[in-house]
Amino acid sequence: MNFAQRALALLLFAIALVLPASQPLAQAYPTRSITFVVPFPAGGSADTIIRLIGQHLSQRWGQAVVVENKPGTGGNIGQEAVAKAAPDGYTFLMAASSIAIVPHLYTKLSYDPIKGFEPVTLVGNIPMVIVVNPQFQAKTLAELIALAKQKPGDISYASAGNGTTNHLATEMFKVMTGIDMLHIPYRGNPLAVLDVIGGRVPVFFDFVLTGLPHIRGGKVRALATTGATRAAVLPDVPTAVEAGVPGFVTGTWFGVYAPMGTPRAITDKLNAEILSILDVPAVKERLSGLGVEIWAKGPAELAAITKADFEKWGPVVKKAGIKLD
């Protein structure tokens, strides 16, 4: 046997050792409850989506699926907890696109939001909806822009907090339209929208999922959505592009990540199961009714969009001068 033949034999032997080990692992998994950490408060978009997926996952696998909310510090508390969790396939992260933004906001992180996780599944996207208090004089997006240009810095807008997705989206909107508005940060979307409803702050870039009930109830007025196309649940509301802001398309996507080092057999199995759940008609109907655009994709696509958003939001953070350390 020459050298090449010996090398091939060793390679085939190594493959034979690995394959039988990974196959039983995936077949037996899971043997106990699984936890999905949501780095945001209960009742938000990420929480709502993963609880729906978790119900179906629990039924299919015969194991409890626990959703644990660990909000705080722009998602860093929950994300750090998962990054440092055992990579055994029993702890996962349900993250939003803000995971790609935090490296620009915090320079003293004890984990790497971009390289510290195994991407599992890209789940979906929720466009934003620009809302105002019903008594606010601007009835359209064009009128809001014109009013803000007449009174630079006088009109205030709410956000879910410094460095949050809706804060940065509004800052990008300001740059693209040449306006200035005063930022009023809150501790989460619910508190922000309450002050918009109460008339204390007139403008808010909400998410379709959380803003829809208030729009339908007449508590706020929708001026435009921020998706590439009109939101199916708000067909009469124009997109920002249709309303006169070319290129302004944004939102927040959601994806499942695992701690770095989690066996590929496990992440592949979870990815396949989540993709299957997202294809269930009842799940599609439920998510679409909440304003969620289903983006059922695998780890490669989740890794790519994470990297793309990291590059996209860096200049916005720098332009706005936001640093949270």
C-alpha atoms as a PDB file:
ATOM      1  CA  MET A   1       0.000   0.000   0.000  1.00  0.00           C
ATOM      2  CA  ASN A   2       1.555   3.298  -1.085  1.00  0.00           C
ATOM      3  CA  PHE A   3       1.342   6.605   0.812  1.00  0.00           C
ATOM      4  CA  ALA A   4      -1.721   7.895  -1.055  1.00  0.00           C
ATOM      5  CA  GLN A   5      -3.608   4.662  -0.405  1.00  0.00           C
ATOM      6  CA  ARG A   6      -2.707   4.731   3.297  1.00  0.00           C
ATOM      7  CA  ALA A   7      -3.840   8.367   3.574  1.00  0.00           C
ATOM      8  CA  LEU A   8      -7.158   7.548   1.915  1.00  0.00           C
ATOM      9  CA  ALA A   9      -7.680   4.572   4.199  1.00  0.00           C
ATOM     10  CA  LEU A  10      -7.033   6.703   7.279  1.00  0.00           C
ATOM     11  CA  LEU A  11      -9.450   9.366   6.027  1.00  0.00           C
ATOM     12  CA  LEU A  12     -12.200   6.805   5.432  1.00  0.00           C
ATOM     13  CA  PHE A  13     -11.575   5.314   8.873  1.00  0.00           C
ATOM     14  CA  ALA A  14     -11.901   8.755  10.492  1.00  0.00           C
ATOM     15  CA  ILE A  15     -15.177   9.399   8.665  1.00  0.00           C
ATOM     16  CA  ALA A  16     -16.468   6.017   9.777  1.00  0.00           C
ATOM     17  CA  LEU A  17     -15.724   6.916  13.381  1.00  0.00           C
ATOM     18  CA  VAL A  18     -17.493  10.299  13.198  1.00  0.00           C
ATOM     19  CA  LEU A  19     -20.662   9.348  11.325  1.00  0.00           C
ATOM     20  CA  PRO A  20     -21.925   6.639  13.684  1.00  0.00           C
ATOM     21  CA  ALA A  21     -21.272   8.933  16.646  1.00  0.00           C
ATOM     22  CA  SER A  22     -23.259  11.859  15.228  1.00  0.00           C
ATOM     23  CA  GLN A  23     -26.207   9.855  13.944  1.00  0.00           C
ATOM     24  CA  PRO A  24     -27.234   8.298  17.297  1.00  0.00           C
ATOM     25  CA  LEU A  25     -26.717  11.697  18.954  1.00  0.00           C
ATOM     26  CA  ALA A  26     -29.238  13.353  16.649  1.00  0.00           C
ATOM     27  CA  GLN A  27     -31.654  10.411  16.900  1.00  0.00           C
ATOM     28  CA  ALA A  28     -31.677  10.375  20.709  1.00  0.00           C
ATOM     29  CA  TYR A  29     -31.823  14.147  21.112  1.00  0.00           C
ATOM     30  CA  PRO A  30     -33.564  15.680  23.030  1.00  0.00           C
ATOM     31  CA  THR A  31     -33.846  13.711  26.261  1.00  0.00           C
ATOM     32  CA  ARG A  32     -34.935  16.602  28.484  1.00  0.00           C
ATOM     33  CA  SER A  33     -36.431  20.087  28.343  1.00  0.00           C
ATOM     34  CA  ILE A  34     -35.010  22.741  26.029  1.00  0.00           C
ATOM     35  CA  THR A  35     -34.680  26.431  26.900  1.00  0.00           C
ATOM     36  CA  PHE A  36     -34.948  29.322  24.478  1.00  0.00           C
ATOM     37  CA  VAL A  37     -33.613  32.538  25.983  1.00  0.00           C
ATOM     38  CA  VAL A  38     -35.287  35.711  24.747  1.00  0.00           C
ATOM     39  CA  PRO A  39     -33.159  38.780  25.547  1.00  0.00           C
ATOM     40  CA  PHE A  40     -36.241  41.037  25.663  1.00  0.00           C
ATOM     41  CA  PRO A  41     -39.312  41.404  27.894  1.00  0.00           C
ATOM     42  CA  ALA A  42     -42.244  38.997  27.662  1.00  0.00           C
ATOM     43  CA  GLY A  43     -44.952  39.943  25.189  1.00  0.00           C
ATOM     44  CA  GLY A  44     -42.636  41.391  22.552  1.00  0.00           C
ATOM     45  CA  SER A  45     -42.165  40.203  18.993  1.00  0.00           C
ATOM     46  CA  ALA A  46     -39.330  37.710  19.592  1.00  0.00           C
ATOM     47  CA  ASP A  47     -41.106  36.302  22.635  1.00  0.00           C
ATOM     48  CA  THR A  48     -44.409  35.857  20.774  1.00  0.00           C
ATOM     49  CA  ILE A  49     -42.793  34.116  17.796  1.00  0.00           C
ATOM     50  CA  ILE A  50     -40.661  31.650  19.750  1.00  0.00           C
ATOM     51  CA  ARG A  51     -43.511  30.716  22.082  1.00  0.00           C
ATOM     52  CA  LEU A  52     -45.584  29.716  19.055  1.00  0.00           C
ATOM     53  CA  ILE A  53     -42.705  27.690  17.611  1.00  0.00           C
ATOM     54  CA  GLY A  54     -41.998  26.210  21.044  1.00  0.00           C
ATOM     55  CA  GLN A  55     -45.531  24.866  21.403  1.00  0.00           C
ATOM     56  CA  HIS A  56     -45.199  22.886  18.188  1.00  0.00           C
ATOM     57  CA  LEU A  57     -41.653  21.799  18.973  1.00  0.00           C
ATOM     58  CA  SER A  58     -42.742  20.436  22.348  1.00  0.00           C
ATOM     59  CA  GLN A  59     -45.582  18.466  20.758  1.00  0.00           C
ATOM     60  CA  ARG A  60     -43.277  16.977  18.131  1.00  0.00           C
ATOM     61  CA  TRP A  61     -40.379  16.085  20.390  1.00  0.00           C
ATOM     62  CA  GLY A  62     -42.287  15.165  23.533  1.00  0.00           C
ATOM     63  CA  GLN A  63     -40.139  17.424  25.708  1.00  0.00           C
ATOM     64  CA  ALA A  64     -40.958  20.690  27.474  1.00  0.00           C
ATOM     65  CA  VAL A  65     -39.820  23.858  25.718  1.00  0.00           C
ATOM     66  CA  VAL A  66     -39.139  26.667  28.163  1.00  0.00           C
ATOM     67  CA  VAL A  67     -39.014  30.305  27.080  1.00  0.00           C
ATOM     68  CA  GLU A  68     -36.912  32.353  29.488  1.00  0.00           C
ATOM     69  CA  ASN A  69     -36.939  36.136  29.228  1.00  0.00           C
ATOM     70  CA  LYS A  70     -33.655  37.804  30.166  1.00  0.00           C
ATOM     71  CA  PRO A  71     -34.052  41.455  29.125  1.00  0.00           C
ATOM     72  CA  GLY A  72     -31.638  44.274  29.728  1.00  0.00           C
ATOM     73  CA  THR A  73     -28.708  46.218  28.286  1.00  0.00           C
ATOM     74  CA  GLY A  74     -29.984  46.144  24.728  1.00  0.00           C
ATOM     75  CA  GLY A  75     -30.275  42.354  24.725  1.00  0.00           C
ATOM     76  CA  ASN A  76     -26.757  41.776  26.048  1.00  0.00           C
ATOM     77  CA  ILE A  77     -27.800  40.083  29.302  1.00  0.00           C
ATOM     78  CA  GLY A  78     -29.691  37.292  27.574  1.00  0.00           C
ATOM     79  CA  GLN A  79     -27.239  36.997  24.705  1.00  0.00           C
ATOM     80  CA  GLU A  80     -24.263  36.744  27.023  1.00  0.00           C
ATOM     81  CA  ALA A  81     -26.034  34.052  29.080  1.00  0.00           C
ATOM     82  CA  VAL A  82     -26.476  31.881  25.978  1.00  0.00           C
ATOM     83  CA  ALA A  83     -22.966  32.573  24.679  1.00  0.00           C
ATOM     84  CA  LYS A  84     -21.598  31.240  27.982  1.00  0.00           C
ATOM     85  CA  ALA A  85     -24.044  28.331  28.289  1.00  0.00           C
ATOM     86  CA  ALA A  86     -22.977  24.718  27.839  1.00  0.00           C
ATOM     87  CA  PRO A  87     -22.999  23.832  24.114  1.00  0.00           C
ATOM     88  CA  ASP A  88     -25.038  20.701  24.742  1.00  0.00           C
ATOM     89  CA  GLY A  89     -28.119  21.506  22.668  1.00  0.00           C
ATOM     90  CA  TYR A  90     -30.387  22.427  25.548  1.00  0.00           C
ATOM     91  CA  THR A  91     -29.984  26.214  25.549  1.00  0.00           C
ATOM     92  CA  PHE A  92     -30.673  28.419  22.529  1.00  0.00           C
ATOM     93  CA  LEU A  93     -31.064  32.116  21.825  1.00  0.00           C
ATOM     94  CA  MET A  94     -34.053  33.702  20.096  1.00  0.00           C
ATOM     95  CA  ALA A  95     -32.413  36.907  18.931  1.00  0.00           C
ATOM     96  CA  ALA A  96     -33.481  39.912  16.935  1.00  0.00           C
ATOM     97  CA  SER A  97     -31.426  41.799  14.361  1.00  0.00           C
ATOM     98  CA  SER A  98     -30.137  44.034  17.156  1.00  0.00           C
ATOM     99  CA  ILE A  99     -27.580  41.274  17.850  1.00  0.00           C
ATOM    100  CA  ALA A 100     -25.674  42.625  14.844  1.00  0.00           C
ATOM    101  CA  ILE A 101     -25.797  46.187  16.189  1.00  0.00           C
ATOM    102  CA  VAL A 102     -24.549  45.786  19.773  1.00  0.00           C
ATOM    103  CA  PRO A 103     -20.851  45.476  18.820  1.00  0.00           C
ATOM    104  CA  HIS A 104     -21.051  49.057  17.536  1.00  0.00           C
ATOM    105  CA  LEU A 105     -22.729  50.260  20.725  1.00  0.00           C
ATOM    106  CA  TYR A 106     -20.752  48.429  23.403  1.00  0.00           C
ATOM    107  CA  THR A 107     -16.980  48.107  23.237  1.00  0.00           C
ATOM    108  CA  LYS A 108     -16.542  46.137  26.487  1.00  0.00           C
ATOM    109  CA  LEU A 109     -18.520  43.006  25.770  1.00  0.00           C
ATOM    110  CA  SER A 110     -17.489  39.721  27.385  1.00  0.00           C
ATOM    111  CA  TYR A 111     -18.777  37.747  24.405  1.00  0.00           C
ATOM    112  CA  ASP A 112     -18.716  38.163  20.620  1.00  0.00           C
ATOM    113  CA  PRO A 113     -22.240  38.719  19.231  1.00  0.00           C
ATOM    114  CA  ILE A 114     -21.079  38.022  15.676  1.00  0.00           C
ATOM    115  CA  LYS A 115     -18.678  35.087  16.127  1.00  0.00           C
ATOM    116  CA  GLY A 116     -19.768  33.733  19.505  1.00  0.00           C
ATOM    117  CA  PHE A 117     -22.772  31.712  18.331  1.00  0.00           C
ATOM    118  CA  GLU A 118     -23.693  28.919  15.962  1.00  0.00           C
ATOM    119  CA  PRO A 119     -26.431  30.213  13.617  1.00  0.00           C
ATOM    120  CA  VAL A 120     -29.365  27.803  13.453  1.00  0.00           C
ATOM    121  CA  THR A 121     -32.434  29.250  11.716  1.00  0.00           C
ATOM    122  CA  LEU A 122     -33.523  32.562  10.241  1.00  0.00           C
ATOM    123  CA  VAL A 123     -37.197  32.719  11.220  1.00  0.00           C
ATOM    124  CA  GLY A 124     -38.820  35.893   9.966  1.00  0.00           C
ATOM    125  CA  ASN A 125     -38.937  39.651   9.683  1.00  0.00           C
ATOM    126  CA  ILE A 126     -41.258  42.353  10.969  1.00  0.00           C
ATOM    127  CA  PRO A 127     -41.328  45.726   9.239  1.00  0.00           C
ATOM    128  CA  MET A 128     -41.835  48.861  11.256  1.00  0.00           C
ATOM    129  CA  VAL A 129     -44.816  51.151  11.132  1.00  0.00           C
ATOM    130  CA  ILE A 130     -44.400  54.890  11.641  1.00  0.00           C
ATOM    131  CA  VAL A 131     -47.191  56.022  13.941  1.00  0.00           C
ATOM    132  CA  VAL A 132     -48.243  59.347  15.451  1.00  0.00           C
ATOM    133  CA  ASN A 133     -50.699  60.462  18.076  1.00  0.00           C
ATOM    134  CA  PRO A 134     -54.146  60.870  16.449  1.00  0.00           C
ATOM    135  CA  GLN A 135     -54.200  64.582  17.364  1.00  0.00           C
ATOM    136  CA  PHE A 136     -50.822  65.281  15.774  1.00  0.00           C
ATOM    137  CA  GLN A 137     -51.193  67.640  12.832  1.00  0.00           C
ATOM    138  CA  ALA A 138     -49.233  65.548  10.296  1.00  0.00           C
ATOM    139  CA  LYS A 139     -51.632  63.200   8.511  1.00  0.00           C
ATOM    140  CA  THR A 140     -49.087  61.750   6.062  1.00  0.00           C
ATOM    141  CA  LEU A 141     -45.389  60.959   6.062  1.00  0.00           C
ATOM    142  CA  ALA A 142     -44.739  63.850   3.670  1.00  0.00           C
ATOM    143  CA  GLU A 143     -46.487  66.214   6.092  1.00  0.00           C
ATOM    144  CA  LEU A 144     -44.358  64.900   8.994  1.00  0.00           C
ATOM    145  CA  ILE A 145     -41.169  65.528   7.011  1.00  0.00           C
ATOM    146  CA  ALA A 146     -42.305  69.014   5.974  1.00  0.00           C
ATOM    147  CA  LEU A 147     -43.260  69.896   9.555  1.00  0.00           C
ATOM    148  CA  ALA A 148     -39.939  68.633  10.911  1.00  0.00           C
ATOM    149  CA  LYS A 149     -38.073  70.760   8.356  1.00  0.00           C
ATOM    150  CA  GLN A 150     -40.049  73.824   9.423  1.00  0.00           C
ATOM    151  CA  LYS A 151     -39.320  73.156  13.112  1.00  0.00           C
ATOM    152  CA  PRO A 152     -35.938  71.397  13.327  1.00  0.00           C
ATOM    153  CA  GLY A 153     -35.501  69.698  16.710  1.00  0.00           C
ATOM    154  CA  ASP A 154     -38.934  70.717  17.988  1.00  0.00           C
ATOM    155  CA  ILE A 155     -40.756  67.470  17.195  1.00  0.00           C
ATOM    156  CA  SER A 156     -39.897  64.604  19.526  1.00  0.00           C
ATOM    157  CA  TYR A 157     -39.931  60.889  18.807  1.00  0.00           C
ATOM    158  CA  ALA A 158     -40.035  57.945  21.187  1.00  0.00           C
ATOM    159  CA  SER A 159     -37.888  54.822  21.076  1.00  0.00           C
ATOM    160  CA  ALA A 160     -37.598  51.608  23.073  1.00  0.00           C
ATOM    161  CA  GLY A 161     -34.230  52.848  24.364  1.00  0.00           C
ATOM    162  CA  ASN A 162     -30.844  54.123  23.262  1.00  0.00           C
ATOM    163  CA  GLY A 163     -29.386  51.970  20.518  1.00  0.00           C
ATOM    164  CA  THR A 164     -32.536  49.934  19.943  1.00  0.00           C
ATOM    165  CA  THR A 165     -33.630  49.065  16.433  1.00  0.00           C
ATOM    166  CA  ASN A 166     -36.381  51.658  16.305  1.00  0.00           C
ATOM    167  CA  HIS A 167     -34.005  54.323  17.634  1.00  0.00           C
ATOM    168  CA  LEU A 168     -31.486  53.593  14.881  1.00  0.00           C
ATOM    169  CA  ALA A 169     -34.180  53.303  12.218  1.00  0.00           C
ATOM    170  CA  THR A 170     -35.421  56.768  13.125  1.00  0.00           C
ATOM    171  CA  GLU A 171     -31.883  58.139  13.049  1.00  0.00           C
ATOM    172  CA  MET A 172     -31.413  56.649   9.580  1.00  0.00           C
ATOM    173  CA  PHE A 173     -34.746  58.178   8.543  1.00  0.00           C
ATOM    174  CA  LYS A 174     -33.549  61.582   9.762  1.00  0.00           C
ATOM    175  CA  VAL A 175     -30.371  61.334   7.686  1.00  0.00           C
ATOM    176  CA  MET A 176     -32.206  60.187   4.557  1.00  0.00           C
ATOM    177  CA  THR A 177     -34.827  62.962   4.772  1.00  0.00           C
ATOM    178  CA  GLY A 178     -32.618  65.771   6.080  1.00  0.00           C
ATOM    179  CA  ILE A 179     -34.734  66.418   9.168  1.00  0.00           C
ATOM    180  CA  ASP A 180     -34.013  66.694  12.869  1.00  0.00           C
ATOM    181  CA  MET A 181     -36.212  65.383  15.675  1.00  0.00           C
ATOM    182  CA  LEU A 182     -35.635  65.110  19.430  1.00  0.00           C
ATOM    183  CA  HIS A 183     -35.035  61.598  20.746  1.00  0.00           C
ATOM    184  CA  ILE A 184     -36.945  60.503  23.872  1.00  0.00           C
ATOM    185  CA  PRO A 185     -35.769  57.019  24.948  1.00  0.00           C
ATOM    186  CA  TYR A 186     -37.927  54.676  27.038  1.00  0.00           C
ATOM    187  CA  ARG A 187     -37.407  51.294  28.675  1.00  0.00           C
ATOM    188  CA  GLY A 188     -39.057  49.194  25.989  1.00  0.00           C
ATOM    189  CA  ASN A 189     -41.763  49.521  23.352  1.00  0.00           C
ATOM    190  CA  PRO A 190     -44.785  49.324  25.700  1.00  0.00           C
ATOM    191  CA  LEU A 191     -43.757  52.402  27.699  1.00  0.00           C
ATOM    192  CA  ALA A 192     -42.860  54.324  24.542  1.00  0.00           C
ATOM    193  CA  VAL A 193     -46.179  53.722  22.809  1.00  0.00           C
ATOM    194  CA  LEU A 194     -48.116  54.621  25.959  1.00  0.00           C
ATOM    195  CA  ASP A 195     -46.679  58.135  25.849  1.00  0.00           C
ATOM    196  CA  VAL A 196     -47.446  58.390  22.130  1.00  0.00           C
ATOM    197  CA  ILE A 197     -51.039  57.363  22.829  1.00  0.00           C
ATOM    198  CA  GLY A 198     -51.147  59.868  25.683  1.00  0.00           C
ATOM    199  CA  GLY A 199     -49.882  62.665  23.448  1.00  0.00           C
ATOM    200  CA  ARG A 200     -46.703  63.356  25.388  1.00  0.00           C
ATOM    201  CA  VAL A 201     -44.497  62.318  22.441  1.00  0.00           C
ATOM    202  CA  PRO A 202     -46.008  62.533  18.948  1.00  0.00           C
ATOM    203  CA  VAL A 203     -43.923  60.153  16.797  1.00  0.00           C
ATOM    204  CA  PHE A 204     -42.863  56.522  17.154  1.00  0.00           C
ATOM    205  CA  PHE A 205     -41.334  53.918  14.828  1.00  0.00           C
ATOM    206  CA  ASP A 206     -43.148  50.866  16.208  1.00  0.00           C
ATOM    207  CA  PHE A 207     -43.156  47.316  14.868  1.00  0.00           C
ATOM    208  CA  VAL A 208     -46.159  46.055  12.949  1.00  0.00           C
ATOM    209  CA  LEU A 209     -46.721  43.187  15.399  1.00  0.00           C
ATOM    210  CA  THR A 210     -46.862  45.403  18.496  1.00  0.00           C
ATOM    211  CA  GLY A 211     -48.346  48.467  16.808  1.00  0.00           C
ATOM    212  CA  LEU A 212     -51.231  46.742  15.028  1.00  0.00           C
ATOM    213  CA  PRO A 213     -53.663  46.591  17.991  1.00  0.00           C
ATOM    214  CA  HIS A 214     -53.185  50.306  18.716  1.00  0.00           C
ATOM    215  CA  ILE A 215     -53.692  51.218  15.054  1.00  0.00           C
ATOM    216  CA  ARG A 216     -56.842  49.127  14.787  1.00  0.00           C
ATOM    217  CA  GLY A 217     -58.114  50.598  18.044  1.00  0.00           C
ATOM    218  CA  GLY A 218     -57.617  54.156  16.793  1.00  0.00           C
ATOM    219  CA  LYS A 219     -55.133  54.962  19.544  1.00  0.00           C
ATOM    220  CA  VAL A 220     -52.420  55.911  17.047  1.00  0.00           C
ATOM    221  CA  ARG A 221     -52.402  56.831  13.357  1.00  0.00           C
ATOM    222  CA  ALA A 222     -50.218  54.903  10.911  1.00  0.00           C
ATOM    223  CA  LEU A 223     -48.358  57.048   8.364  1.00  0.00           C
ATOM    224  CA  ALA A 224     -46.253  54.403   6.616  1.00  0.00           C
ATOM    225  CA  THR A 225     -44.687  50.989   6.970  1.00  0.00           C
ATOM    226  CA  THR A 226     -41.009  50.278   6.313  1.00  0.00           C
ATOM    227  CA  GLY A 227     -41.040  47.007   4.403  1.00  0.00           C
ATOM    228  CA  ALA A 228     -40.186  46.483   0.756  1.00  0.00           C
ATOM    229  CA  THR A 229     -43.898  45.945   0.098  1.00  0.00           C
ATOM    230  CA  ARG A 230     -47.048  46.905   1.963  1.00  0.00           C
ATOM    231  CA  ALA A 231     -47.759  44.941   5.130  1.00  0.00           C
ATOM    232  CA  ALA A 232     -50.484  42.367   4.502  1.00  0.00           C
ATOM    233  CA  VAL A 233     -52.200  43.331   7.767  1.00  0.00           C
ATOM    234  CA  LEU A 234     -52.108  47.061   6.875  1.00  0.00           C
ATOM    235  CA  PRO A 235     -52.900  47.043   3.146  1.00  0.00           C
ATOM    236  CA  ASP A 236     -54.143  50.649   3.120  1.00  0.00           C
ATOM    237  CA  VAL A 237     -50.956  52.046   4.680  1.00  0.00           C
ATOM    238  CA  PRO A 238     -48.272  53.000   2.114  1.00  0.00           C
ATOM    239  CA  THR A 239     -44.655  51.990   2.454  1.00  0.00           C
ATOM    240  CA  ALA A 240     -42.162  54.732   3.259  1.00  0.00           C
ATOM    241  CA  VAL A 241     -40.834  54.390  -0.298  1.00  0.00           C
ATOM    242  CA  GLU A 242     -44.337  54.930  -1.707  1.00  0.00           C
ATOM    243  CA  ALA A 243     -44.753  57.869   0.672  1.00  0.00           C
ATOM    244  CA  GLY A 244     -41.718  59.635  -0.756  1.00  0.00           C
ATOM    245  CA  VAL A 245     -38.577  58.314   0.967  1.00  0.00           C
ATOM    246  CA  PRO A 246     -36.662  56.291  -1.684  1.00  0.00           C
ATOM    247  CA  GLY A 247     -34.596  53.433  -0.292  1.00  0.00           C
ATOM    248  CA  PHE A 248     -35.958  53.574   3.247  1.00  0.00           C
ATOM    249  CA  VAL A 249     -36.621  49.880   3.874  1.00  0.00           C
ATOM    250  CA  THR A 250     -35.966  48.456   7.311  1.00  0.00           C
ATOM    251  CA  GLY A 251     -37.382  46.263  10.041  1.00  0.00           C
ATOM    252  CA  THR A 252     -36.177  43.649  12.462  1.00  0.00           C
ATOM    253  CA  TRP A 253     -35.511  40.005  11.690  1.00  0.00           C
ATOM    254  CA  PHE A 254     -35.443  37.124  14.144  1.00  0.00           C
ATOM    255  CA  GLY A 255     -33.180  34.106  14.299  1.00  0.00           C
ATOM    256  CA  VAL A 256     -32.278  31.175  16.525  1.00  0.00           C
ATOM    257  CA  TYR A 257     -28.653  30.762  17.603  1.00  0.00           C
ATOM    258  CA  ALA A 258     -26.840  28.145  19.685  1.00  0.00           C
ATOM    259  CA  PRO A 259     -23.746  28.481  21.882  1.00  0.00           C
ATOM    260  CA  MET A 260     -20.560  28.080  19.871  1.00  0.00           C
ATOM    261  CA  GLY A 261     -19.497  24.435  19.830  1.00  0.00           C
ATOM    262  CA  THR A 262     -22.986  22.935  19.870  1.00  0.00           C
ATOM    263  CA  PRO A 263     -22.845  19.691  17.837  1.00  0.00           C
ATOM    264  CA  ARG A 264     -23.797  20.190  14.203  1.00  0.00           C
ATOM    265  CA  ALA A 265     -26.060  17.145  14.320  1.00  0.00           C
ATOM    266  CA  ILE A 266     -28.184  18.900  16.943  1.00  0.00           C
ATOM    267  CA  THR A 267     -28.336  22.310  15.255  1.00  0.00           C
ATOM    268  CA  ASP A 268     -29.191  20.650  11.943  1.00  0.00           C
ATOM    269  CA  LYS A 269     -32.014  18.704  13.580  1.00  0.00           C
ATOM    270  CA  LEU A 270     -33.427  21.815  15.274  1.00  0.00           C
ATOM    271  CA  ASN A 271     -33.140  23.840  12.070  1.00  0.00           C
ATOM    272  CA  ALA A 272     -35.020  21.185  10.083  1.00  0.00           C
ATOM    273  CA  GLU A 273     -37.765  21.024  12.711  1.00  0.00           C
ATOM    274  CA  ILE A 274     -38.229  24.803  12.909  1.00  0.00           C
ATOM    275  CA  LEU A 275     -38.356  25.072   9.107  1.00  0.00           C
ATOM    276  CA  SER A 276     -40.999  22.351   9.081  1.00  0.00           C
ATOM    277  CA  ILE A 277     -43.026  24.156  11.777  1.00  0.00           C
ATOM    278  CA  LEU A 278     -42.862  27.425   9.842  1.00  0.00           C
ATOM    279  CA  ASP A 279     -44.387  25.596   6.877  1.00  0.00           C
ATOM    280  CA  VAL A 280     -47.474  24.487   8.852  1.00  0.00           C
ATOM    281  CA  PRO A 281     -50.514  26.383   7.454  1.00  0.00           C
ATOM    282  CA  ALA A 282     -51.846  27.283  10.913  1.00  0.00           C
ATOM    283  CA  VAL A 283     -48.448  28.676  11.938  1.00  0.00           C
ATOM    284  CA  LYS A 284     -48.153  30.634   8.700  1.00  0.00           C
ATOM    285  CA  GLU A 285     -51.617  32.076   9.210  1.00  0.00           C
ATOM    286  CA  ARG A 286     -50.940  32.992  12.835  1.00  0.00           C
ATOM    287  CA  LEU A 287     -47.613  34.713  12.097  1.00  0.00           C
ATOM    288  CA  SER A 288     -48.923  36.499   9.010  1.00  0.00           C
ATOM    289  CA  GLY A 289     -51.855  37.764  11.077  1.00  0.00           C
ATOM    290  CA  LEU A 290     -49.356  39.310  13.471  1.00  0.00           C
ATOM    291  CA  GLY A 291     -47.536  41.071  10.653  1.00  0.00           C
ATOM    292  CA  VAL A 292     -44.586  38.671  10.543  1.00  0.00           C
ATOM    293  CA  GLU A 293     -42.998  37.991   7.161  1.00  0.00           C
ATOM    294  CA  ILE A 294     -41.778  34.386   7.318  1.00  0.00           C
ATOM    295  CA  TRP A 295     -38.155  34.088   6.217  1.00  0.00           C
ATOM    296  CA  ALA A 296     -37.597  30.368   6.753  1.00  0.00           C
ATOM    297  CA  LYS A 297     -33.898  29.915   6.033  1.00  0.00           C
ATOM    298  CA  GLY A 298     -30.990  27.902   7.397  1.00  0.00           C
ATOM    299  CA  PRO A 299     -27.731  28.712   9.186  1.00  0.00           C
ATOM    300  CA  ALA A 300     -25.884  30.038   6.135  1.00  0.00           C
ATOM    301  CA  GLU A 301     -28.553  32.645   5.452  1.00  0.00           C
ATOM    302  CA  LEU A 302     -28.721  33.644   9.135  1.00  0.00           C
ATOM    303  CA  ALA A 303     -24.941  34.073   9.237  1.00  0.00           C
ATOM    304  CA  ALA A 304     -25.038  36.163   6.051  1.00  0.00           C
ATOM    305  CA  ILE A 305     -27.757  38.539   7.233  1.00  0.00           C
ATOM    306  CA  THR A 306     -26.040  38.937  10.610  1.00  0.00           C
ATOM    307  CA  LYS A 307     -22.848  40.015   8.851  1.00  0.00           C
ATOM    308  CA  ALA A 308     -24.730  42.291   6.422  1.00  0.00           C
ATOM    309  CA  ASP A 309     -26.570  44.079   9.225  1.00  0.00           C
ATOM    310  CA  PHE A 310     -23.357  44.498  11.199  1.00  0.00           C
ATOM    311  CA  GLU A 311     -21.928  46.369   8.218  1.00  0.00           C
ATOM    312  CA  LYS A 312     -25.166  48.277   7.520  1.00  0.00           C
ATOM    313  CA  TRP A 313     -25.753  49.715  10.992  1.00  0.00           C
ATOM    314  CA  GLY A 314     -22.171  50.630  11.891  1.00  0.00           C
ATOM    315  CA  PRO A 315     -22.221  53.930   9.933  1.00  0.00           C
ATOM    316  CA  VAL A 316     -25.664  54.802  11.364  1.00  0.00           C
ATOM    317  CA  VAL A 317     -24.436  54.340  14.933  1.00  0.00           C
ATOM    318  CA  LYS A 318     -21.342  56.417  14.181  1.00  0.00           C
ATOM    319  CA  LYS A 319     -23.343  59.191  12.515  1.00  0.00           C
ATOM    320  CA  ALA A 320     -25.754  59.354  15.464  1.00  0.00           C
ATOM    321  CA  GLY A 321     -22.860  59.379  17.926  1.00  0.00           C
ATOM    322  CA  ILE A 322     -24.321  56.591  20.069  1.00  0.00           C
ATOM    323  CA  LYS A 323     -22.075  54.846  22.597  1.00  0.00           C
ATOM    324  CA  LEU A 324     -23.528  52.939  25.544  1.00  0.00           C
ATOM    325  CA  ASP A 325     -20.458  51.746  27.471  1.00  0.00           C
END
